């Protein structure tokens, strides 16, 4: 079994739109996938990190959910380092919603995220297809 976590604007199962920046996402979709590629469960967790009145970063909260991998549009340096140091794979690609992310993950069409967003203040990309770490300068 694989547990994926994906930042979303609001949870609507497979139709949930991926939020452009991981730590500022209002919610996280938590998906469990069987070894044969079937979705076993799909739930959501509200972001309780510092951007939403909680303490600590979203990366601490999400690490506690026990993900094997994340699918994101972009992520800051603190989150990227935290997940990398915990052995959690981070993927990105031209996906807009949770359904597309699951399909692309299973098909091996996503790329590993290795660099944080260039702008420390995390300006959002101009479209959901443009991860913030790949924006042109």
Protein backbone atom coordinates (compact mmCIF):
# COMPACT_ATOMS: atom_id res chain seq x y z
CA UNK A 1 0.00 0.00 0.00
CA UNK A 2 1.06 3.57 -0.76
CA UNK A 3 -0.21 6.66 1.04
CA UNK A 4 -0.20 9.85 -1.04
CA UNK A 5 -0.84 13.31 0.37
CA UNK A 6 -1.85 16.14 -1.97
CA UNK A 7 -2.50 19.81 -0.98
CA UNK A 8 -5.97 20.94 -2.12
CA UNK A 9 -8.11 24.07 -2.06
CA UNK A 10 -11.15 22.15 -0.88
CA UNK A 11 -11.76 18.42 -0.72
CA UNK A 12 -13.99 17.09 -3.50
CA UNK A 13 -12.58 13.56 -3.90
CA UNK A 14 -10.92 13.07 -7.32
CA UNK A 15 -12.14 16.50 -8.46
CA UNK A 16 -10.20 18.31 -5.70
CA UNK A 17 -8.07 21.02 -7.30
CA UNK A 18 -4.40 20.89 -6.29
CA UNK A 19 -3.36 23.99 -4.37
CA UNK A 20 -0.34 25.79 -5.90
CA UNK A 21 1.74 25.98 -2.72
CA UNK A 22 1.97 23.10 -0.27
CA UNK A 23 2.23 24.87 3.10
CA UNK A 24 -0.61 27.30 2.41
CA UNK A 25 -3.14 24.71 1.25
CA UNK A 26 -6.35 24.79 3.30
CA UNK A 27 -6.65 20.99 3.18
CA UNK A 28 -4.73 17.86 2.29
CA UNK A 29 -6.18 14.90 0.42
CA UNK A 30 -4.91 11.62 1.91
CA UNK A 31 -5.15 8.72 -0.52
CA UNK A 32 -4.31 5.08 0.15
CA UNK A 33 -3.56 2.99 -2.95
CA UNK A 34 -3.27 -0.80 -3.01
CA UNK A 35 -0.36 -2.65 -4.57
CA UNK A 36 -2.47 -3.30 -7.68
CA UNK A 37 -3.29 0.42 -8.13
CA UNK A 38 -6.78 0.54 -6.62
CA UNK A 39 -7.74 3.50 -4.44
CA UNK A 40 -8.54 1.99 -1.05
CA UNK A 41 -9.51 5.22 0.70
CA UNK A 42 -9.56 8.96 0.13
CA UNK A 43 -10.04 11.39 3.01
CA UNK A 44 -9.09 14.95 3.85
CA UNK A 45 -7.31 16.66 6.70
CA UNK A 46 -7.52 20.39 7.39
CA UNK A 47 -4.20 22.22 7.46
CA UNK A 48 -3.45 23.03 11.09
CA UNK A 49 -0.06 24.62 10.40
CA UNK A 50 1.07 28.13 11.24
CA UNK A 51 -0.62 29.67 8.18
CA UNK A 52 -3.99 28.57 9.58
CA UNK A 53 -3.62 29.60 13.20
CA UNK A 54 -1.77 26.52 14.43
CA UNK A 55 1.80 26.10 15.51
CA UNK A 56 4.62 24.78 13.37
CA UNK A 57 4.73 24.20 9.67
CA UNK A 58 2.41 22.08 7.62
CA UNK A 59 5.32 19.72 6.98
CA UNK A 60 5.29 18.54 10.61
CA UNK A 61 1.56 17.88 10.50
CA UNK A 62 1.71 16.08 7.15
CA UNK A 63 4.71 13.97 8.19
CA UNK A 64 2.56 12.74 11.08
CA UNK A 65 0.01 11.45 8.54
CA UNK A 66 2.59 8.88 7.43
CA UNK A 67 2.80 9.60 3.69
CA UNK A 68 5.00 7.59 1.37
CA UNK A 69 4.82 10.34 -1.25
CA UNK A 70 3.44 13.82 -1.93
CA UNK A 71 2.19 15.28 -5.20
CA UNK A 72 2.56 19.07 -5.22
CA UNK A 73 2.70 22.10 -7.48
CA UNK A 74 5.35 23.84 -5.39
CA UNK A 75 6.93 23.90 -1.95
CA UNK A 76 9.23 26.15 0.05
CA UNK A 77 12.71 25.17 1.23
CA UNK A 78 11.69 24.27 4.80
CA UNK A 79 9.07 21.77 3.66
CA UNK A 80 11.27 20.31 0.94
CA UNK A 81 14.15 19.73 3.35
CA UNK A 82 11.89 18.25 6.03
CA UNK A 83 10.29 15.72 3.69
CA UNK A 84 13.59 14.80 2.04
CA UNK A 85 15.21 14.20 5.43
CA UNK A 86 12.29 11.94 6.39
CA UNK A 87 12.58 9.89 3.19
CA UNK A 88 9.22 11.04 1.82
CA UNK A 89 9.17 11.24 -1.99
CA UNK A 90 7.94 14.52 -3.48
CA UNK A 91 6.51 14.57 -7.01
CA UNK A 92 5.25 17.28 -9.33
CA UNK A 93 3.87 17.50 -12.83
CA UNK A 94 1.22 19.02 -15.07
CA UNK A 95 -1.75 17.75 -13.06
CA UNK A 96 -4.66 19.89 -11.94
CA UNK A 97 -6.70 17.69 -9.64
CA UNK A 98 -6.37 14.68 -7.36
CA UNK A 99 -7.71 12.24 -9.96
CA UNK A 100 -5.08 13.33 -12.50
CA UNK A 101 -2.38 13.19 -9.82
CA UNK A 102 -3.25 9.61 -8.87
CA UNK A 103 -3.38 8.51 -12.51
CA UNK A 104 -0.04 10.18 -13.30
CA UNK A 105 1.59 8.82 -10.15
CA UNK A 106 0.55 5.26 -10.99
CA UNK A 107 1.69 5.67 -14.62
CA UNK A 108 5.09 7.06 -13.57
CA UNK A 109 4.49 10.37 -15.38
CA UNK A 110 5.46 12.67 -12.48
CA UNK A 111 8.89 14.17 -11.83
CA UNK A 112 10.69 14.34 -8.53
CA UNK A 113 10.64 17.81 -6.94
CA UNK A 114 14.22 18.70 -6.05
CA UNK A 115 14.15 22.50 -5.76
CA UNK A 116 11.96 24.79 -3.65
CA UNK A 117 10.00 27.76 -4.96
CA UNK A 118 12.42 30.46 -6.05
CA UNK A 119 10.63 33.23 -4.19
CA UNK A 120 10.87 32.93 -0.42
CA UNK A 121 7.57 34.82 -0.08
CA UNK A 122 5.92 32.19 -2.30
CA UNK A 123 4.21 34.21 -4.97
CA UNK A 124 1.77 31.89 -6.65
CA UNK A 125 2.18 30.75 -10.25
CA UNK A 126 -0.02 32.37 -12.86
CA UNK A 127 -1.77 29.08 -13.68
CA UNK A 128 -2.34 25.77 -11.97
CA UNK A 129 -0.25 24.11 -14.70
CA UNK A 130 2.82 26.16 -13.77
CA UNK A 131 4.48 25.00 -10.55
CA UNK A 132 6.10 27.89 -8.71
CA UNK A 133 9.51 26.22 -8.76
CA UNK A 134 9.50 26.18 -12.57
CA UNK A 135 8.41 29.77 -13.23
CA UNK A 136 10.55 31.83 -15.50
CA UNK A 137 12.40 34.66 -13.79
